[in-house]
């Protein structure tokens, strides 16, 4: 068995890991790389392997950095199956459709600006036809089902608790009387978070491929301190008539934010503030959340039974049309505008930032991890001038971080996950983290499991098992 790492190796985005055995090539995830424009263009057009030679894709979850390059496979002749949980399949379809639209829209906007300067045009990585082609290749599998993906190779999904339908993926390969198992975490969720069940106890494995997004740090406590911080922010926005711009993933983070703000209102800690979910994708994703209660934890199931829809309220409006989205830019606060993308690398949030970022009364609330070189990362780092659509723009708005809302496992959660695998895996690959985070987590795993071979692979590297 050979495992080749074609993305999310010493970086966070573009998850792509190719597992090769005699007669079988299985791809774990096929994500879009997000970051500097030229590097993103190169990595998303040339995946590092021949799509036609891939026998199956196993998708851990729907986030674009894990699923967003699937249509590139279709564009280059991939003709096999993409295995997904039912919720992941539904979410991925709408996310890829949205990704194709955003690419087309953003390329059109940037090309108008660049054309005036005599620069070359950008092209989308794929279009709606490529999305339709790959979606037809989707095959659903429930948690725990055993899927035959190739000669002597089977796979199963195990609840990862990260977003709706997310899964850790276990591969089982048998040859000459010997069985080798590989467990790929995808993105791991956190215990005791709203909506979803906690991550399932991991099955035994010989080889573990584990994410490390927060491999060197701990999250803020989830609880009253987080609610107090949100309460103070909303009260300040009301006093100063501020706009709060929240770049958020349309899937998972948006639904959690809505539930948490509703909780503050229900407890009487704040008066209702107009909330605009400015994302056609978020509206569609929320409908999909309603269709998949099999993924909910007990508390969310009780909320549905006692109070009805937890994602709706009279002061929450889902915005779909472009015209209505544009009107939000001229609107005065106080209000909350939640729009994707979560790392500020495309979509409607860029237009809201363009109009709001120069006003010191406004607030930009960052609620998730921001990859290196993204606009979101520059905002978190406190840049005084940030590039929006390639135009240097002064930042006067306040930037506030909410690390406690992250849907990723932190360092302690990740170490606990490895600790719960009995016996300890013989080999661990640490991926999906910037180099500092990945190396830190790898050292901690090695300290706890000295007999385990722990590797932080380079992008493009291959390792024989």
Protein backbone atom coordinates (compact mmCIF):
# COMPACT_ATOMS: atom_id res chain seq x y z
CA UNK A 1 0.00 0.00 0.00
CA UNK A 2 1.19 3.50 -0.89
CA UNK A 3 -0.36 6.72 0.45
CA UNK A 4 0.34 9.90 -1.53
CA UNK A 5 -0.48 13.34 -0.10
CA UNK A 6 -1.59 15.77 -2.81
CA UNK A 7 -3.08 18.49 -0.61
CA UNK A 8 -3.62 19.66 2.96
CA UNK A 9 -0.06 18.54 3.77
CA UNK A 10 1.62 21.18 5.94
CA UNK A 11 -1.30 23.41 4.98
CA UNK A 12 -5.00 23.54 5.83
CA UNK A 13 -6.89 23.55 2.54
CA UNK A 14 -7.16 21.30 -0.51
CA UNK A 15 -7.51 17.92 1.24
CA UNK A 16 -6.52 15.13 -1.23
CA UNK A 17 -4.94 11.83 -0.17
CA UNK A 18 -4.50 8.95 -2.64
CA UNK A 19 -4.33 5.38 -1.31
CA UNK A 20 -2.90 2.89 -3.83
CA UNK A 21 -2.88 -0.90 -3.68
CA UNK A 22 -2.37 -3.43 -6.49
CA UNK A 23 -5.38 -2.93 -8.75
CA UNK A 24 -7.02 -0.13 -6.73
CA UNK A 25 -6.57 3.64 -6.31
CA UNK A 26 -8.86 5.30 -3.73
CA UNK A 27 -8.93 9.06 -3.20
CA UNK A 28 -9.77 10.40 0.27
CA UNK A 29 -11.38 13.82 -0.29
CA UNK A 30 -10.84 16.14 -3.24
CA UNK A 31 -10.81 19.65 -1.83
CA UNK A 32 -10.30 23.09 -3.30
CA UNK A 33 -7.09 24.86 -2.31
CA UNK A 34 -7.70 28.37 -0.94
CA UNK A 35 -4.99 31.02 -0.63
CA UNK A 36 -2.84 33.16 -2.89
CA UNK A 37 -4.45 33.54 -6.28
CA UNK A 38 -1.63 32.17 -8.44
CA UNK A 39 -0.95 29.21 -6.14
CA UNK A 40 -4.67 28.41 -5.91
CA UNK A 41 -4.94 28.54 -9.70
CA UNK A 42 -2.08 26.08 -10.11
CA UNK A 43 -3.12 23.61 -7.42
CA UNK A 44 -6.80 23.56 -8.40
CA UNK A 45 -6.23 23.02 -12.12
CA UNK A 46 -3.54 20.34 -11.73
CA UNK A 47 -4.39 17.91 -8.95
CA UNK A 48 -1.12 15.98 -8.98
CA UNK A 49 -2.55 12.65 -10.20
CA UNK A 50 -4.52 11.27 -13.15
CA UNK A 51 -8.28 11.52 -12.36
CA UNK A 52 -9.06 8.81 -14.93
CA UNK A 53 -6.96 6.32 -12.94
CA UNK A 54 -8.91 6.81 -9.67
CA UNK A 55 -11.20 3.87 -8.90
CA UNK A 56 -13.24 5.51 -6.12
CA UNK A 57 -13.48 8.68 -4.04
CA UNK A 58 -14.48 8.62 -0.38
CA UNK A 59 -15.62 12.04 0.83
CA UNK A 60 -15.32 12.89 4.54
CA UNK A 61 -17.64 15.91 4.45
CA UNK A 62 -19.04 18.72 2.34
CA UNK A 63 -16.82 21.70 3.19
CA UNK A 64 -15.25 23.12 0.05
CA UNK A 65 -11.66 22.56 1.21
CA UNK A 66 -12.54 18.83 1.21
CA UNK A 67 -15.07 18.56 -1.64
CA UNK A 68 -14.58 21.61 -3.83
CA UNK A 69 -12.29 20.09 -6.48
CA UNK A 70 -14.52 17.09 -7.20
CA UNK A 71 -15.82 18.70 -10.44
CA UNK A 72 -12.20 19.03 -11.61
CA UNK A 73 -12.10 15.23 -11.52
CA UNK A 74 -15.15 15.10 -13.79
CA UNK A 75 -13.60 17.66 -16.10
CA UNK A 76 -10.59 15.36 -16.58
CA UNK A 77 -12.32 12.07 -17.18
CA UNK A 78 -13.07 10.55 -13.75
CA UNK A 79 -15.83 7.96 -14.29
CA UNK A 80 -16.09 6.05 -11.01
CA UNK A 81 -18.11 6.46 -7.79
CA UNK A 82 -17.91 9.13 -5.09
CA UNK A 83 -19.06 7.58 -1.80
CA UNK A 84 -20.78 9.93 0.67
CA UNK A 85 -23.11 9.80 3.66
CA UNK A 86 -26.66 10.88 2.66
CA UNK A 87 -26.37 14.26 4.41
CA UNK A 88 -22.92 14.88 2.89
CA UNK A 89 -24.26 14.07 -0.56
CA UNK A 90 -27.12 16.55 -0.23
CA UNK A 91 -24.89 19.31 1.16
CA UNK A 92 -22.07 18.74 -1.33
CA UNK A 93 -24.39 19.05 -4.30
CA UNK A 94 -25.61 22.52 -3.30
CA UNK A 95 -22.12 23.62 -2.22
CA UNK A 96 -20.56 22.65 -5.54
CA UNK A 97 -23.35 24.38 -7.46
CA UNK A 98 -22.71 27.48 -5.36
CA UNK A 99 -18.94 27.19 -5.84
CA UNK A 100 -19.34 27.12 -9.63
CA UNK A 101 -21.58 30.22 -9.50
CA UNK A 102 -19.20 32.08 -7.19
CA UNK A 103 -16.20 31.30 -9.39
CA UNK A 104 -18.03 32.55 -12.45
CA UNK A 105 -19.23 35.70 -10.68
CA UNK A 106 -15.89 36.50 -9.02
CA UNK A 107 -13.93 35.88 -12.23
CA UNK A 108 -16.31 38.15 -14.14
CA UNK A 109 -15.94 40.91 -11.51
CA UNK A 110 -12.14 40.63 -11.26
CA UNK A 111 -11.72 40.40 -15.03
CA UNK A 112 -13.60 43.68 -15.46
CA UNK A 113 -11.16 45.33 -13.08
CA UNK A 114 -8.06 43.60 -14.46
CA UNK A 115 -9.13 44.19 -18.06
CA UNK A 116 -8.97 47.91 -17.47
CA UNK A 117 -5.34 47.44 -16.42
CA UNK A 118 -4.56 45.24 -19.42
CA UNK A 119 -4.03 42.08 -17.37
CA UNK A 120 -4.96 38.53 -18.32
CA UNK A 121 -8.36 37.07 -17.52
CA UNK A 122 -9.18 34.48 -14.87
CA UNK A 123 -11.15 31.34 -15.71
CA UNK A 124 -13.31 29.29 -13.33
CA UNK A 125 -11.89 25.91 -12.34
CA UNK A 126 -15.14 24.28 -13.45
CA UNK A 127 -18.71 25.08 -14.44
CA UNK A 128 -22.24 23.89 -13.65
CA UNK A 129 -22.02 21.06 -16.20
CA UNK A 130 -18.95 19.65 -14.44
CA UNK A 131 -20.86 19.82 -11.13
CA UNK A 132 -23.84 17.93 -12.58
CA UNK A 133 -21.49 15.29 -14.00
CA UNK A 134 -19.77 14.59 -10.68
CA UNK A 135 -22.99 14.63 -8.63
CA UNK A 136 -24.33 11.83 -10.83
CA UNK A 137 -21.38 9.76 -9.56
CA UNK A 138 -22.45 10.08 -5.88
CA UNK A 139 -23.32 6.87 -4.02
CA UNK A 140 -24.77 7.07 -0.50
CA UNK A 141 -23.69 5.00 2.50
CA UNK A 142 -24.81 5.24 6.12
CA UNK A 143 -22.52 5.31 9.13
CA UNK A 144 -21.19 1.79 9.72
CA UNK A 145 -22.12 0.38 6.31
CA UNK A 146 -19.32 -1.62 4.66
CA UNK A 147 -18.65 -0.48 1.10
CA UNK A 148 -16.62 -2.50 -1.41
CA UNK A 149 -14.47 0.06 -3.24
CA UNK A 150 -12.00 -2.15 -5.09
CA UNK A 151 -10.28 -5.55 -5.21
CA UNK A 152 -9.75 -6.68 -1.59
CA UNK A 153 -10.55 -3.12 -0.41
CA UNK A 154 -13.57 -2.07 1.67
CA UNK A 155 -14.49 1.12 3.51
CA UNK A 156 -16.85 2.40 6.20
CA UNK A 157 -17.95 5.82 7.51
CA UNK A 158 -17.91 6.76 11.22
CA UNK A 159 -19.52 9.92 12.66
CA UNK A 160 -16.90 12.71 12.97
CA UNK A 161 -19.22 15.27 14.62
CA UNK A 162 -17.80 18.17 12.59
CA UNK A 163 -20.67 19.18 10.30
CA UNK A 164 -23.87 17.48 9.17
CA UNK A 165 -22.96 14.09 7.68
CA UNK A 166 -19.22 14.39 8.39
CA UNK A 167 -17.33 11.12 8.71
CA UNK A 168 -14.04 9.57 9.57
CA UNK A 169 -13.27 6.97 6.89
CA UNK A 170 -11.84 3.51 7.59
CA UNK A 171 -10.24 1.53 4.76
CA UNK A 172 -9.63 -2.21 5.09
CA UNK A 173 -7.29 -3.94 2.63
CA UNK A 174 -6.58 -7.68 2.68
CA UNK A 175 -3.88 -9.41 0.63
CA UNK A 176 -2.00 -12.69 1.11
CA UNK A 177 -3.76 -13.31 4.40
CA UNK A 178 -2.76 -9.96 5.92
CA UNK A 179 -5.19 -7.10 6.62
CA UNK A 180 -4.14 -3.42 6.81
CA UNK A 181 -6.54 -0.79 8.09
CA UNK A 182 -6.28 2.98 7.50
CA UNK A 183 -8.40 5.51 9.38
CA UNK A 184 -8.73 9.04 7.94
CA UNK A 185 -10.32 11.52 10.33
CA UNK A 186 -11.36 14.13 7.77
CA UNK A 187 -12.13 17.07 10.07
CA UNK A 188 -12.96 16.08 13.63
CA UNK A 189 -15.62 17.88 15.61
CA UNK A 190 -15.69 18.77 19.28
CA UNK A 191 -17.62 17.17 22.12
CA UNK A 192 -20.59 18.95 23.67
CA UNK A 193 -21.25 21.25 20.70
CA UNK A 194 -24.80 22.15 19.59
CA UNK A 195 -26.85 20.39 16.89
CA UNK A 196 -24.66 17.36 16.16
CA UNK A 197 -23.70 14.24 18.06
CA UNK A 198 -20.19 14.01 19.50
CA UNK A 199 -17.55 12.28 17.34
CA UNK A 200 -17.87 8.50 17.50
CA UNK A 201 -15.21 6.47 19.28
CA UNK A 202 -12.66 5.63 16.55
CA UNK A 203 -12.33 2.04 15.34
CA UNK A 204 -9.00 0.24 15.54
CA UNK A 205 -6.50 0.98 12.77
CA UNK A 206 -2.92 0.27 11.73
CA UNK A 207 -2.47 3.67 10.08
CA UNK A 208 -4.09 6.92 11.17
CA UNK A 209 -4.32 10.06 9.02
CA UNK A 210 -5.35 12.84 11.40
CA UNK A 211 -6.14 16.52 10.92
CA UNK A 212 -4.25 19.17 12.91
CA UNK A 213 -6.03 22.47 12.22
CA UNK A 214 -5.81 23.40 15.91
CA UNK A 215 -2.94 21.05 16.71
CA UNK A 216 -1.03 23.55 18.85
CA UNK A 217 -3.82 25.34 20.72
CA UNK A 218 -6.90 25.01 22.88
CA UNK A 219 -10.30 26.58 22.28
CA UNK A 220 -12.02 29.05 24.50
CA UNK A 221 -14.54 27.41 26.76
CA UNK A 222 -17.95 26.91 25.22
CA UNK A 223 -20.51 28.15 27.69
CA UNK A 224 -21.50 31.30 29.51
CA UNK A 225 -18.23 33.15 28.84
CA UNK A 226 -18.80 32.75 25.11
CA UNK A 227 -22.42 33.85 25.42
CA UNK A 228 -21.35 36.88 27.49
CA UNK A 229 -18.87 37.91 24.80
CA UNK A 230 -21.56 37.62 22.11
CA UNK A 231 -24.03 39.48 24.31
CA UNK A 232 -21.61 42.39 24.82
CA UNK A 233 -20.86 42.56 21.11
CA UNK A 234 -24.55 42.72 20.16
CA UNK A 235 -25.28 45.35 22.83
CA UNK A 236 -22.39 47.47 21.57
CA UNK A 237 -23.67 47.15 18.01
CA UNK A 238 -27.09 48.35 19.13
CA UNK A 239 -25.60 51.35 20.98
CA UNK A 240 -23.33 52.37 18.10
CA UNK A 241 -25.76 51.37 15.31
CA UNK A 242 -23.05 49.07 14.01
CA UNK A 243 -23.12 46.44 11.36
CA UNK A 244 -21.65 43.13 12.44
CA UNK A 245 -20.27 41.32 9.41
CA UNK A 246 -19.76 37.61 10.05
CA UNK A 247 -17.86 35.64 7.39
CA UNK A 248 -19.13 32.13 8.07
CA UNK A 249 -19.27 28.78 6.36
CA UNK A 250 -22.79 28.36 5.03
CA UNK A 251 -22.84 24.82 6.37
CA UNK A 252 -22.56 24.26 10.09
CA UNK A 253 -21.32 27.59 11.41
CA UNK A 254 -24.28 29.61 10.11
CA UNK A 255 -26.85 27.27 11.67
CA UNK A 256 -24.96 27.25 14.98
CA UNK A 257 -24.76 31.06 15.08
CA UNK A 258 -28.50 31.35 14.51
CA UNK A 259 -29.24 28.94 17.34
CA UNK A 260 -26.88 30.73 19.76
CA UNK A 261 -28.31 34.20 19.05
CA UNK A 262 -31.84 32.84 19.45
CA UNK A 263 -30.79 31.43 22.81
CA UNK A 264 -29.58 34.87 23.99
CA UNK A 265 -32.91 36.42 22.94
CA UNK A 266 -34.92 33.62 24.58
CA UNK A 267 -33.02 34.14 27.85
CA UNK A 268 -33.75 37.87 27.77
CA UNK A 269 -30.07 38.81 27.62
CA UNK A 270 -30.49 40.84 24.41
CA UNK A 271 -33.37 42.32 22.44
CA UNK A 272 -33.84 40.91 18.95
CA UNK A 273 -31.42 42.39 16.41
CA UNK A 274 -32.13 42.02 12.68
CA UNK A 275 -30.11 39.09 11.34
CA UNK A 276 -29.60 38.66 7.61
CA UNK A 277 -28.33 35.32 6.34
CA UNK A 278 -27.04 36.58 3.02
CA UNK A 279 -26.34 33.33 1.28
CA UNK A 280 -28.56 31.33 -1.05
CA UNK A 281 -26.33 28.40 -0.11
CA UNK A 282 -27.00 28.88 3.61
CA UNK A 283 -30.74 28.88 2.92
CA UNK A 284 -30.46 25.62 0.99
CA UNK A 285 -28.10 24.13 3.58
CA UNK A 286 -30.53 24.99 6.39
CA UNK A 287 -33.29 23.14 4.52
CA UNK A 288 -30.96 20.14 4.28
CA UNK A 289 -30.29 20.37 8.03
CA UNK A 290 -34.04 20.10 8.57
CA UNK A 291 -34.14 16.94 6.43
CA UNK A 292 -31.45 15.05 8.35
CA UNK A 293 -32.43 14.79 12.01
CA UNK A 294 -30.61 11.43 12.12
CA UNK A 295 -27.43 13.51 12.64
CA UNK A 296 -28.76 15.54 15.60
CA UNK A 297 -27.84 15.21 19.24
CA UNK A 298 -30.53 14.66 21.85
CA UNK A 299 -30.76 18.35 22.83
CA UNK A 300 -31.49 19.48 19.26
CA UNK A 301 -34.09 16.75 18.82
CA UNK A 302 -35.79 17.99 22.02
CA UNK A 303 -35.66 21.59 20.74
CA UNK A 304 -37.45 20.56 17.54
CA UNK A 305 -40.07 18.71 19.54
CA UNK A 306 -40.68 21.52 22.06
CA UNK A 307 -40.14 24.75 20.11
CA UNK A 308 -40.33 23.93 16.43
CA UNK A 309 -37.72 25.02 13.91
CA UNK A 310 -34.51 26.11 15.74
CA UNK A 311 -33.20 27.89 12.63
CA UNK A 312 -36.07 30.39 12.22
CA UNK A 313 -37.35 33.52 14.02
CA UNK A 314 -39.24 36.69 13.07
CA UNK A 315 -36.02 38.77 13.22
CA UNK A 316 -34.02 36.34 11.02
CA UNK A 317 -34.22 36.81 7.26
CA UNK A 318 -32.68 34.55 4.65
CA UNK A 319 -31.53 36.66 1.70
CA UNK A 320 -31.41 35.07 -1.75
CA UNK A 321 -31.61 37.74 -4.46
CA UNK A 322 -28.62 39.79 -5.56
CA UNK A 323 -30.68 43.00 -5.38
CA UNK A 324 -31.65 42.39 -1.77
CA UNK A 325 -28.04 41.59 -0.94
CA UNK A 326 -26.93 44.89 -2.47
CA UNK A 327 -29.54 46.77 -0.43
CA UNK A 328 -27.90 45.50 2.76
CA UNK A 329 -24.80 47.52 1.90
CA UNK A 330 -26.79 50.78 2.08
CA UNK A 331 -28.66 49.78 5.23
CA UNK A 332 -27.80 51.31 8.60
CA UNK A 333 -27.16 49.25 11.73
CA UNK A 334 -27.65 47.73 14.11
CA UNK A 335 -27.80 44.44 12.27
CA UNK A 336 -25.92 41.21 11.81
CA UNK A 337 -25.01 40.06 8.30
CA UNK A 338 -23.83 36.45 8.05
CA UNK A 339 -22.41 35.63 4.63
CA UNK A 340 -19.98 33.16 3.12
CA UNK A 341 -17.24 32.37 2.44
CA UNK A 342 -15.88 31.62 5.88
CA UNK A 343 -12.31 32.62 4.95
CA UNK A 344 -13.40 35.69 2.93
CA UNK A 345 -12.05 34.21 -0.29
CA UNK A 346 -15.16 34.64 -2.42
CA UNK A 347 -18.89 35.22 -2.43
CA UNK A 348 -21.14 37.94 -1.04
CA UNK A 349 -19.15 38.57 2.13
CA UNK A 350 -16.48 40.28 0.03
CA UNK A 351 -18.99 42.91 -1.11
CA UNK A 352 -20.17 43.50 2.47
CA UNK A 353 -16.59 43.84 3.68
CA UNK A 354 -15.83 46.25 0.84
CA UNK A 355 -18.65 48.54 2.03
CA UNK A 356 -18.26 48.07 5.81
CA UNK A 357 -14.55 47.68 6.52
CA UNK A 358 -13.68 51.39 6.36
CA UNK A 359 -16.22 52.45 9.01
CA UNK A 360 -14.80 52.30 12.55
CA UNK A 361 -18.30 51.81 14.00
CA UNK A 362 -18.62 48.44 12.27
CA UNK A 363 -17.46 45.07 13.56
CA UNK A 364 -16.08 42.06 11.73
CA UNK A 365 -16.66 38.91 13.78
CA UNK A 366 -14.37 36.01 12.86
CA UNK A 367 -15.85 32.71 14.00
CA UNK A 368 -13.64 30.08 12.38
CA UNK A 369 -10.12 29.16 11.35
CA UNK A 370 -8.55 31.42 8.72
CA UNK A 371 -5.97 29.74 6.48
CA UNK A 372 -2.65 31.37 5.69
CA UNK A 373 -2.71 34.03 2.94
CA UNK A 374 -6.54 34.37 2.94
CA UNK A 375 -8.27 37.72 3.45
CA UNK A 376 -9.76 36.35 6.68
CA UNK A 377 -6.25 35.67 8.00
CA UNK A 378 -5.14 39.21 7.15
CA UNK A 379 -8.12 40.59 9.09
CA UNK A 380 -7.30 38.40 12.10
CA UNK A 381 -3.68 39.53 11.96
CA UNK A 382 -4.83 43.15 12.13
CA UNK A 383 -3.66 44.42 8.75
CA UNK A 384 -4.46 48.14 8.42
CA UNK A 385 -4.88 47.79 4.64
CA UNK A 386 -6.39 44.62 3.20
CA UNK A 387 -6.88 43.48 -0.42
CA UNK A 388 -10.55 43.16 -1.37
CA UNK A 389 -11.06 42.06 -4.97
CA UNK A 390 -7.38 42.87 -5.39
CA UNK A 391 -7.84 46.51 -4.34
CA UNK A 392 -5.90 47.72 -1.23
CA UNK A 393 -8.61 48.91 1.19
CA UNK A 394 -8.07 50.66 4.55
CA UNK A 395 -9.46 48.69 7.49
CA UNK A 396 -11.00 50.81 10.23
CA UNK A 397 -13.69 48.38 11.43
CA UNK A 398 -12.97 46.46 14.62
CA UNK A 399 -12.10 42.76 14.21
CA UNK A 400 -13.31 40.40 16.98
CA UNK A 401 -12.45 36.70 17.15
CA UNK A 402 -14.71 33.95 18.51
CA UNK A 403 -12.44 30.92 18.75
CA UNK A 404 -14.92 29.15 21.00
CA UNK A 405 -17.28 28.66 18.06
CA UNK A 406 -14.84 26.54 16.07
CA UNK A 407 -16.24 23.23 14.85
CA UNK A 408 -12.74 21.69 14.85
CA UNK A 409 -11.28 19.53 17.59
CA UNK A 410 -8.50 21.33 19.49
CA UNK A 411 -5.16 19.90 20.62
CA UNK A 412 -6.57 18.09 23.65
CA UNK A 413 -9.49 16.68 21.63
CA UNK A 414 -7.12 15.38 18.94
CA UNK A 415 -4.79 13.76 21.46
CA UNK A 416 -7.76 12.17 23.21
CA UNK A 417 -8.95 10.76 19.88
CA UNK A 418 -5.57 9.11 19.22
CA UNK A 419 -5.46 7.87 22.84
CA UNK A 420 -8.82 6.12 22.39
CA UNK A 421 -7.58 3.94 19.50
CA UNK A 422 -6.72 0.52 20.99
CA UNK A 423 -4.10 -0.69 20.32
CA UNK A 424 -2.26 2.47 19.25
CA UNK A 425 -1.74 2.72 15.48
CA UNK A 426 1.69 1.73 14.18
CA UNK A 427 1.88 4.81 11.98
CA UNK A 428 0.29 8.27 12.15
CA UNK A 429 0.28 10.90 9.39
CA UNK A 430 -0.52 14.42 10.58
CA UNK A 431 -2.24 16.50 7.86
CA UNK A 432 -4.64 19.43 7.37
CA UNK A 433 -2.75 21.89 9.53
CA UNK A 434 -0.23 24.61 8.88
CA UNK A 435 3.32 23.38 9.44
CA UNK A 436 3.62 24.82 12.96
CA UNK A 437 0.37 23.23 14.12
CA UNK A 438 1.07 19.89 12.41
CA UNK A 439 4.60 19.58 13.83
CA UNK A 440 3.42 20.50 17.31
CA UNK A 441 0.66 17.88 17.29
CA UNK A 442 3.02 15.27 15.83
CA UNK A 443 5.51 15.85 18.67
CA UNK A 444 2.75 15.51 21.25
CA UNK A 445 1.47 12.25 19.71
CA UNK A 446 5.02 10.87 19.61
CA UNK A 447 5.56 11.79 23.27
CA UNK A 448 2.44 9.84 24.28
CA UNK A 449 3.05 6.92 21.87
CA UNK A 450 6.83 6.47 21.54
CA UNK A 451 6.50 3.22 19.56
CA UNK A 452 4.30 4.88 16.91
CA UNK A 453 5.92 6.22 13.76
CA UNK A 454 4.58 9.81 13.46
CA UNK A 455 5.06 11.65 10.15
CA UNK A 456 4.14 15.14 8.93
CA UNK A 457 4.13 14.56 5.16
CA UNK A 458 5.14 17.08 2.54
CA UNK A 459 2.69 17.86 -0.26
CA UNK A 460 3.35 15.50 -3.17
CA UNK A 461 5.15 12.93 -1.00
CA UNK A 462 4.40 9.18 -1.12
CA UNK A 463 4.78 6.71 1.73
CA UNK A 464 4.81 2.93 1.51
CA UNK A 465 2.93 1.01 4.22
